[in-house]
């Protein structure tokens, strides 16, 4: 099974990378972009086909390794490999 994980900063947390990208977008004269938030995208591939096991391990991996729960939120999507 494949799991697509998205990690983003919580609302209210300063995002200096996002501000730098927004500044560059404005310097390049692009119009209409009001804000930019930078995050992380991670793909995990599990050998197991047990959806419950994959979900539980994904949550634990995110909480212990991929996301800082103080300043980041995570979300994930599980896909079956074909």
PDB file of N, CA and C in Angstrom:
ATOM      1  N   UNK A   1       0.849  -1.176   0.000  1.00  0.00           N
ATOM      2  CA  UNK A   1       0.000   0.000   0.000  1.00  0.00           C
ATOM      3  C   UNK A   1       0.894   1.238   0.000  1.00  0.00           C
ATOM      4  N   UNK A   2       0.390   2.282  -0.647  1.00  0.00           N
ATOM      5  CA  UNK A   2       1.112   3.546  -0.688  1.00  0.00           C
ATOM      6  C   UNK A   2       0.346   4.557   0.158  1.00  0.00           C
ATOM      7  N   UNK A   3       1.103   5.332   0.936  1.00  0.00           N
ATOM      8  CA  UNK A   3       0.516   6.387   1.745  1.00  0.00           C
ATOM      9  C   UNK A   3       1.157   7.709   1.326  1.00  0.00           C
ATOM     10  N   UNK A   4       0.306   8.680   1.008  1.00  0.00           N
ATOM     11  CA  UNK A   4       0.766  10.023   0.668  1.00  0.00           C
ATOM     12  C   UNK A   4       0.525  10.904   1.881  1.00  0.00           C
ATOM     13  N   UNK A   5       1.628  11.439   2.434  1.00  0.00           N
ATOM     14  CA  UNK A   5       1.573  12.233   3.656  1.00  0.00           C
ATOM     15  C   UNK A   5       1.860  13.696   3.319  1.00  0.00           C
ATOM     16  N   UNK A   6       1.043  14.582   3.868  1.00  0.00           N
ATOM     17  CA  UNK A   6       1.245  16.022   3.702  1.00  0.00           C
ATOM     18  C   UNK A   6       1.412  16.626   5.095  1.00  0.00           C
ATOM     19  N   UNK A   7       2.507  17.365   5.286  1.00  0.00           N
ATOM     20  CA  UNK A   7       2.789  18.025   6.558  1.00  0.00           C
ATOM     21  C   UNK A   7       2.834  19.526   6.302  1.00  0.00           C
ATOM     22  N   UNK A   8       2.051  20.281   7.071  1.00  0.00           N
ATOM     23  CA  UNK A   8       2.010  21.739   6.905  1.00  0.00           C
ATOM     24  C   UNK A   8       2.077  22.417   8.271  1.00  0.00           C
ATOM     25  N   UNK A   9       2.558  23.642   8.256  1.00  0.00           N
ATOM     26  CA  UNK A   9       2.593  24.418   9.490  1.00  0.00           C
ATOM     27  C   UNK A   9       1.171  24.745   9.936  1.00  0.00           C
ATOM     28  N   UNK A  10       0.963  24.769  11.228  1.00  0.00           N
ATOM     29  CA  UNK A  10      -0.339  25.149  11.776  1.00  0.00           C
ATOM     30  C   UNK A  10      -0.606  26.615  11.482  1.00  0.00           C
ATOM     31  N   UNK A  11      -1.888  26.972  11.412  1.00  0.00           N
ATOM     32  CA  UNK A  11      -2.263  28.371  11.238  1.00  0.00           C
ATOM     33  C   UNK A  11      -1.662  29.192  12.371  1.00  0.00           C
ATOM     34  N   UNK A  12      -1.169  30.357  12.049  1.00  0.00           N
ATOM     35  CA  UNK A  12      -0.602  31.242  13.055  1.00  0.00           C
ATOM     36  C   UNK A  12       0.895  31.057  13.263  1.00  0.00           C
ATOM     37  N   UNK A  13       1.474  29.995  12.683  1.00  0.00           N
ATOM     38  CA  UNK A  13       2.923  29.771  12.795  1.00  0.00           C
ATOM     39  C   UNK A  13       3.596  30.488  11.628  1.00  0.00           C
ATOM     40  N   UNK A  14       4.595  31.313  11.927  1.00  0.00           N
ATOM     41  CA  UNK A  14       5.320  32.060  10.913  1.00  0.00           C
ATOM     42  C   UNK A  14       5.980  31.106   9.925  1.00  0.00           C
ATOM     43  N   UNK A  15       5.854  31.399   8.635  1.00  0.00           N
ATOM     44  CA  UNK A  15       6.413  30.567   7.574  1.00  0.00           C
ATOM     45  C   UNK A  15       7.396  31.406   6.746  1.00  0.00           C
ATOM     46  N   UNK A  16       8.665  31.504   7.187  1.00  0.00           N
ATOM     47  CA  UNK A  16       9.626  32.339   6.468  1.00  0.00           C
ATOM     48  C   UNK A  16       9.885  31.871   5.035  1.00  0.00           C
ATOM     49  N   UNK A  17       9.854  30.552   4.788  1.00  0.00           N
ATOM     50  CA  UNK A  17      10.029  30.066   3.416  1.00  0.00           C
ATOM     51  C   UNK A  17       8.871  30.527   2.541  1.00  0.00           C
ATOM     52  N   UNK A  18       7.674  30.426   3.063  1.00  0.00           N
ATOM     53  CA  UNK A  18       6.502  30.881   2.314  1.00  0.00           C
ATOM     54  C   UNK A  18       6.583  32.363   1.996  1.00  0.00           C
ATOM     55  N   UNK A  19       7.027  33.158   2.973  1.00  0.00           N
ATOM     56  CA  UNK A  19       7.159  34.607   2.742  1.00  0.00           C
ATOM     57  C   UNK A  19       8.216  34.894   1.683  1.00  0.00           C
ATOM     58  N   UNK A  20       9.326  34.147   1.683  1.00  0.00           N
ATOM     59  CA  UNK A  20      10.372  34.333   0.679  1.00  0.00           C
ATOM     60  C   UNK A  20       9.853  33.999  -0.718  1.00  0.00           C
ATOM     61  N   UNK A  21       9.083  32.931  -0.835  1.00  0.00           N
ATOM     62  CA  UNK A  21       8.513  32.565  -2.133  1.00  0.00           C
ATOM     63  C   UNK A  21       7.497  33.613  -2.584  1.00  0.00           C
ATOM     64  N   UNK A  22       6.669  34.085  -1.665  1.00  0.00           N
ATOM     65  CA  UNK A  22       5.706  35.136  -2.007  1.00  0.00           C
ATOM     66  C   UNK A  22       6.426  36.384  -2.500  1.00  0.00           C
ATOM     67  N   UNK A  23       7.516  36.745  -1.832  1.00  0.00           N
ATOM     68  CA  UNK A  23       8.308  37.914  -2.253  1.00  0.00           C
ATOM     69  C   UNK A  23       8.846  37.696  -3.671  1.00  0.00           C
ATOM     70  N   UNK A  24       9.351  36.499  -3.952  1.00  0.00           N
ATOM     71  CA  UNK A  24       9.882  36.202  -5.288  1.00  0.00           C
ATOM     72  C   UNK A  24       8.771  36.244  -6.340  1.00  0.00           C
ATOM     73  N   UNK A  25       7.602  35.734  -5.995  1.00  0.00           N
ATOM     74  CA  UNK A  25       6.469  35.778  -6.916  1.00  0.00           C
ATOM     75  C   UNK A  25       6.124  37.228  -7.256  1.00  0.00           C
ATOM     76  N   UNK A  26       6.098  38.080  -6.240  1.00  0.00           N
ATOM     77  CA  UNK A  26       5.808  39.504  -6.464  1.00  0.00           C
ATOM     78  C   UNK A  26       6.902  40.165  -7.295  1.00  0.00           C
ATOM     79  N   UNK A  27       8.178  39.824  -7.018  1.00  0.00           N
ATOM     80  CA  UNK A  27       9.290  40.378  -7.801  1.00  0.00           C
ATOM     81  C   UNK A  27       9.199  39.990  -9.269  1.00  0.00           C
ATOM     82  N   UNK A  28       8.650  38.808  -9.536  1.00  0.00           N
ATOM     83  CA  UNK A  28       8.497  38.342 -10.918  1.00  0.00           C
ATOM     84  C   UNK A  28       7.229  38.898 -11.577  1.00  0.00           C
ATOM     85  N   UNK A  29       6.536  39.781 -10.860  1.00  0.00           N
ATOM     86  CA  UNK A  29       5.355  40.494 -11.371  1.00  0.00           C
ATOM     87  C   UNK A  29       4.138  39.594 -11.595  1.00  0.00           C
ATOM     88  N   UNK A  30       4.078  38.449 -10.888  1.00  0.00           N
ATOM     89  CA  UNK A  30       2.853  37.650 -10.922  1.00  0.00           C
ATOM     90  C   UNK A  30       1.832  38.332 -10.027  1.00  0.00           C
ATOM     91  N   UNK A  31       0.589  38.319 -10.458  1.00  0.00           N
ATOM     92  CA  UNK A  31      -0.470  39.021  -9.733  1.00  0.00           C
ATOM     93  C   UNK A  31      -1.439  38.013  -9.113  1.00  0.00           C
ATOM     94  N   UNK A  32      -2.062  38.399  -8.034  1.00  0.00           N
ATOM     95  CA  UNK A  32      -3.166  37.623  -7.486  1.00  0.00           C
ATOM     96  C   UNK A  32      -2.813  36.620  -6.412  1.00  0.00           C
ATOM     97  N   UNK A  33      -1.532  36.414  -6.118  1.00  0.00           N
ATOM     98  CA  UNK A  33      -1.162  35.482  -5.051  1.00  0.00           C
ATOM     99  C   UNK A  33      -1.084  36.267  -3.753  1.00  0.00           C
ATOM    100  N   UNK A  34      -1.946  35.925  -2.789  1.00  0.00           N
ATOM    101  CA  UNK A  34      -2.011  36.669  -1.543  1.00  0.00           C
ATOM    102  C   UNK A  34      -1.140  36.096  -0.438  1.00  0.00           C
ATOM    103  N   UNK A  35      -0.895  34.794  -0.468  1.00  0.00           N
ATOM    104  CA  UNK A  35      -0.085  34.170   0.582  1.00  0.00           C
ATOM    105  C   UNK A  35       0.473  32.858   0.059  1.00  0.00           C
ATOM    106  N   UNK A  36       1.573  32.427   0.632  1.00  0.00           N
ATOM    107  CA  UNK A  36       2.207  31.150   0.287  1.00  0.00           C
ATOM    108  C   UNK A  36       2.566  30.456   1.584  1.00  0.00           C
ATOM    109  N   UNK A  37       2.243  29.177   1.676  1.00  0.00           N
ATOM    110  CA  UNK A  37       2.636  28.340   2.809  1.00  0.00           C
ATOM    111  C   UNK A  37       3.420  27.157   2.241  1.00  0.00           C
ATOM    112  N   UNK A  38       4.552  26.861   2.824  1.00  0.00           N
ATOM    113  CA  UNK A  38       5.407  25.764   2.373  1.00  0.00           C
ATOM    114  C   UNK A  38       5.206  24.575   3.307  1.00  0.00           C
ATOM    115  N   UNK A  39       5.147  23.380   2.743  1.00  0.00           N
ATOM    116  CA  UNK A  39       4.985  22.168   3.534  1.00  0.00           C
ATOM    117  C   UNK A  39       5.886  21.066   3.018  1.00  0.00           C
ATOM    118  N   UNK A  40       5.617  19.861   3.481  1.00  0.00           N
ATOM    119  CA  UNK A  40       6.382  18.688   3.060  1.00  0.00           C
ATOM    120  C   UNK A  40       5.416  17.638   2.511  1.00  0.00           C
ATOM    121  N   UNK A  41       5.865  16.921   1.497  1.00  0.00           N
ATOM    122  CA  UNK A  41       5.106  15.814   0.924  1.00  0.00           C
ATOM    123  C   UNK A  41       5.981  14.574   0.995  1.00  0.00           C
ATOM    124  N   UNK A  42       5.460  13.509   1.568  1.00  0.00           N
ATOM    125  CA  UNK A  42       6.221  12.272   1.750  1.00  0.00           C
ATOM    126  C   UNK A  42       5.380  11.099   1.274  1.00  0.00           C
ATOM    127  N   UNK A  43       5.973  10.169   0.546  1.00  0.00           N
ATOM    128  CA  UNK A  43       5.293   8.935   0.162  1.00  0.00           C
ATOM    129  C   UNK A  43       5.914   7.768   0.907  1.00  0.00           C
ATOM    130  N   UNK A  44       5.075   6.966   1.512  1.00  0.00           N
ATOM    131  CA  UNK A  44       5.505   5.754   2.206  1.00  0.00           C
ATOM    132  C   UNK A  44       4.894   4.568   1.473  1.00  0.00           C
ATOM    133  N   UNK A  45       5.665   3.534   1.234  1.00  0.00           N
ATOM    134  CA  UNK A  45       5.154   2.318   0.626  1.00  0.00           C
ATOM    135  C   UNK A  45       5.289   1.186   1.634  1.00  0.00           C
ATOM    136  N   UNK A  46       4.173   0.582   1.967  1.00  0.00           N
ATOM    137  CA  UNK A  46       4.133  -0.519   2.932  1.00  0.00           C
ATOM    138  C   UNK A  46       3.990  -1.847   2.194  1.00  0.00           C
ATOM    139  N   UNK A  47       4.620  -2.888   2.717  1.00  0.00           N
ATOM    140  CA  UNK A  47       4.453  -4.231   2.182  1.00  0.00           C
ATOM    141  C   UNK A  47       3.110  -4.813   2.592  1.00  0.00           C
ATOM    142  N   UNK A  48       2.616  -4.387   3.724  1.00  0.00           N
ATOM    143  CA  UNK A  48       1.373  -4.935   4.273  1.00  0.00           C
ATOM    144  C   UNK A  48       0.152  -4.487   3.472  1.00  0.00           C
ATOM    145  N   UNK A  49      -0.839  -5.357   3.394  1.00  0.00           N
ATOM    146  CA  UNK A  49      -2.121  -5.023   2.773  1.00  0.00           C
ATOM    147  C   UNK A  49      -3.197  -4.779   3.818  1.00  0.00           C
ATOM    148  N   UNK A  50      -2.817  -4.829   5.085  1.00  0.00           N
ATOM    149  CA  UNK A  50      -3.746  -4.630   6.205  1.00  0.00           C
ATOM    150  C   UNK A  50      -3.953  -3.130   6.405  1.00  0.00           C
ATOM    151  N   UNK A  51      -5.118  -2.629   5.983  1.00  0.00           N
ATOM    152  CA  UNK A  51      -5.409  -1.191   6.033  1.00  0.00           C
ATOM    153  C   UNK A  51      -5.273  -0.622   7.447  1.00  0.00           C
ATOM    154  N   UNK A  52      -5.762  -1.344   8.431  1.00  0.00           N
ATOM    155  CA  UNK A  52      -5.711  -0.881   9.815  1.00  0.00           C
ATOM    156  C   UNK A  52      -4.264  -0.753  10.299  1.00  0.00           C
ATOM    157  N   UNK A  53      -3.444  -1.730   9.989  1.00  0.00           N
ATOM    158  CA  UNK A  53      -2.031  -1.694  10.374  1.00  0.00           C
ATOM    159  C   UNK A  53      -1.326  -0.526   9.708  1.00  0.00           C
ATOM    160  N   UNK A  54      -1.559  -0.359   8.410  1.00  0.00           N
ATOM    161  CA  UNK A  54      -0.923   0.733   7.664  1.00  0.00           C
ATOM    162  C   UNK A  54      -1.341   2.082   8.238  1.00  0.00           C
ATOM    163  N   UNK A  55      -2.620   2.239   8.550  1.00  0.00           N
ATOM    164  CA  UNK A  55      -3.099   3.502   9.106  1.00  0.00           C
ATOM    165  C   UNK A  55      -2.467   3.775  10.466  1.00  0.00           C
ATOM    166  N   UNK A  56      -2.438   2.785  11.336  1.00  0.00           N
ATOM    167  CA  UNK A  56      -1.855   2.957  12.671  1.00  0.00           C
ATOM    168  C   UNK A  56      -0.368   3.275  12.599  1.00  0.00           C
ATOM    169  N   UNK A  57       0.362   2.564  11.736  1.00  0.00           N
ATOM    170  CA  UNK A  57       1.804   2.821  11.619  1.00  0.00           C
ATOM    171  C   UNK A  57       2.067   4.190  11.000  1.00  0.00           C
ATOM    172  N   UNK A  58       1.242   4.578  10.030  1.00  0.00           N
ATOM    173  CA  UNK A  58       1.403   5.899   9.415  1.00  0.00           C
ATOM    174  C   UNK A  58       1.223   6.999  10.456  1.00  0.00           C
ATOM    175  N   UNK A  59       0.175   6.901  11.254  1.00  0.00           N
ATOM    176  CA  UNK A  59      -0.054   7.911  12.300  1.00  0.00           C
ATOM    177  C   UNK A  59       1.137   7.993  13.250  1.00  0.00           C
ATOM    178  N   UNK A  60       1.639   6.829  13.664  1.00  0.00           N
ATOM    179  CA  UNK A  60       2.762   6.804  14.606  1.00  0.00           C
ATOM    180  C   UNK A  60       4.031   7.385  13.977  1.00  0.00           C
ATOM    181  N   UNK A  61       4.290   7.045  12.712  1.00  0.00           N
ATOM    182  CA  UNK A  61       5.461   7.589  12.009  1.00  0.00           C
ATOM    183  C   UNK A  61       5.353   9.108  11.905  1.00  0.00           C
ATOM    184  N   UNK A  62       4.167   9.594  11.564  1.00  0.00           N
ATOM    185  CA  UNK A  62       3.971  11.040  11.441  1.00  0.00           C
ATOM    186  C   UNK A  62       4.167  11.741  12.783  1.00  0.00           C
ATOM    187  N   UNK A  63       3.579  11.187  13.838  1.00  0.00           N
ATOM    188  CA  UNK A  63       3.655  11.808  15.162  1.00  0.00           C
ATOM    189  C   UNK A  63       5.067  11.774  15.739  1.00  0.00           C
ATOM    190  N   UNK A  64       5.817  10.704  15.468  1.00  0.00           N
ATOM    191  CA  UNK A  64       7.143  10.544  16.078  1.00  0.00           C
ATOM    192  C   UNK A  64       8.288  11.048  15.215  1.00  0.00           C
ATOM    193  N   UNK A  65       8.063  11.167  13.881  1.00  0.00           N
ATOM    194  CA  UNK A  65       9.194  11.466  13.017  1.00  0.00           C
ATOM    195  C   UNK A  65       8.932  12.563  11.981  1.00  0.00           C
ATOM    196  N   UNK A  66       7.842  12.470  11.261  1.00  0.00           N
ATOM    197  CA  UNK A  66       7.651  13.345  10.104  1.00  0.00           C
ATOM    198  C   UNK A  66       7.109  14.725  10.434  1.00  0.00           C
ATOM    199  N   UNK A  67       6.351  14.855  11.505  1.00  0.00           N
ATOM    200  CA  UNK A  67       5.749  16.146  11.851  1.00  0.00           C
ATOM    201  C   UNK A  67       6.099  16.530  13.282  1.00  0.00           C
ATOM    202  N   UNK A  68       6.275  17.813  13.489  1.00  0.00           N
ATOM    203  CA  UNK A  68       6.455  18.346  14.832  1.00  0.00           C
ATOM    204  C   UNK A  68       5.065  18.756  15.319  1.00  0.00           C
ATOM    205  N   UNK A  69       4.460  17.987  16.239  1.00  0.00           N
ATOM    206  CA  UNK A  69       3.070  18.243  16.613  1.00  0.00           C
ATOM    207  C   UNK A  69       2.823  19.599  17.272  1.00  0.00           C
ATOM    208  N   UNK A  70       3.866  20.255  17.718  1.00  0.00           N
ATOM    209  CA  UNK A  70       3.710  21.574  18.335  1.00  0.00           C
ATOM    210  C   UNK A  70       3.393  22.627  17.276  1.00  0.00           C
ATOM    211  N   UNK A  71       4.011  22.526  16.101  1.00  0.00           N
ATOM    212  CA  UNK A  71       3.855  23.571  15.089  1.00  0.00           C
ATOM    213  C   UNK A  71       3.304  23.074  13.754  1.00  0.00           C
ATOM    214  N   UNK A  72       3.157  21.741  13.584  1.00  0.00           N
ATOM    215  CA  UNK A  72       2.732  21.208  12.291  1.00  0.00           C
ATOM    216  C   UNK A  72       1.516  20.291  12.422  1.00  0.00           C
ATOM    217  N   UNK A  73       0.718  20.267  11.374  1.00  0.00           N
ATOM    218  CA  UNK A  73      -0.373  19.310  11.222  1.00  0.00           C
ATOM    219  C   UNK A  73       0.004  18.355  10.099  1.00  0.00           C
ATOM    220  N   UNK A  74      -0.549  17.150  10.142  1.00  0.00           N
ATOM    221  CA  UNK A  74      -0.326  16.224   9.042  1.00  0.00           C
ATOM    222  C   UNK A  74      -1.651  15.611   8.621  1.00  0.00           C
ATOM    223  N   UNK A  75      -1.662  15.195   7.374  1.00  0.00           N
ATOM    224  CA  UNK A  75      -2.807  14.511   6.798  1.00  0.00           C
ATOM    225  C   UNK A  75      -2.243  13.462   5.857  1.00  0.00           C
ATOM    226  N   UNK A  76      -3.000  12.396   5.618  1.00  0.00           N
ATOM    227  CA  UNK A  76      -2.490  11.359   4.730  1.00  0.00           C
ATOM    228  C   UNK A  76      -3.635  10.705   3.980  1.00  0.00           C
ATOM    229  N   UNK A  77      -3.256  10.067   2.888  1.00  0.00           N
ATOM    230  CA  UNK A  77      -4.197   9.342   2.044  1.00  0.00           C
ATOM    231  C   UNK A  77      -3.583   7.987   1.730  1.00  0.00           C
ATOM    232  N   UNK A  78      -4.342   6.928   1.953  1.00  0.00           N
ATOM    233  CA  UNK A  78      -3.860   5.569   1.710  1.00  0.00           C
ATOM    234  C   UNK A  78      -4.403   5.089   0.369  1.00  0.00           C
ATOM    235  N   UNK A  79      -3.497   4.544  -0.463  1.00  0.00           N
ATOM    236  CA  UNK A  79      -3.882   3.995  -1.758  1.00  0.00           C
ATOM    237  C   UNK A  79      -3.430   2.553  -1.852  1.00  0.00           C
ATOM    238  N   UNK A  80      -4.234   1.720  -2.459  1.00  0.00           N
ATOM    239  CA  UNK A  80      -3.808   0.356  -2.725  1.00  0.00           C
ATOM    240  C   UNK A  80      -2.970   0.352  -3.993  1.00  0.00           C
ATOM    241  N   UNK A  81      -1.876  -0.380  -3.963  1.00  0.00           N
ATOM    242  CA  UNK A  81      -1.025  -0.485  -5.144  1.00  0.00           C
ATOM    243  C   UNK A  81      -1.651  -1.465  -6.127  1.00  0.00           C
ATOM    244  N   UNK A  82      -1.560  -1.126  -7.397  1.00  0.00           N
ATOM    245  CA  UNK A  82      -2.125  -2.029  -8.402  1.00  0.00           C
ATOM    246  C   UNK A  82      -1.031  -2.722  -9.175  1.00  0.00           C
TER     247      UNK A  82
END
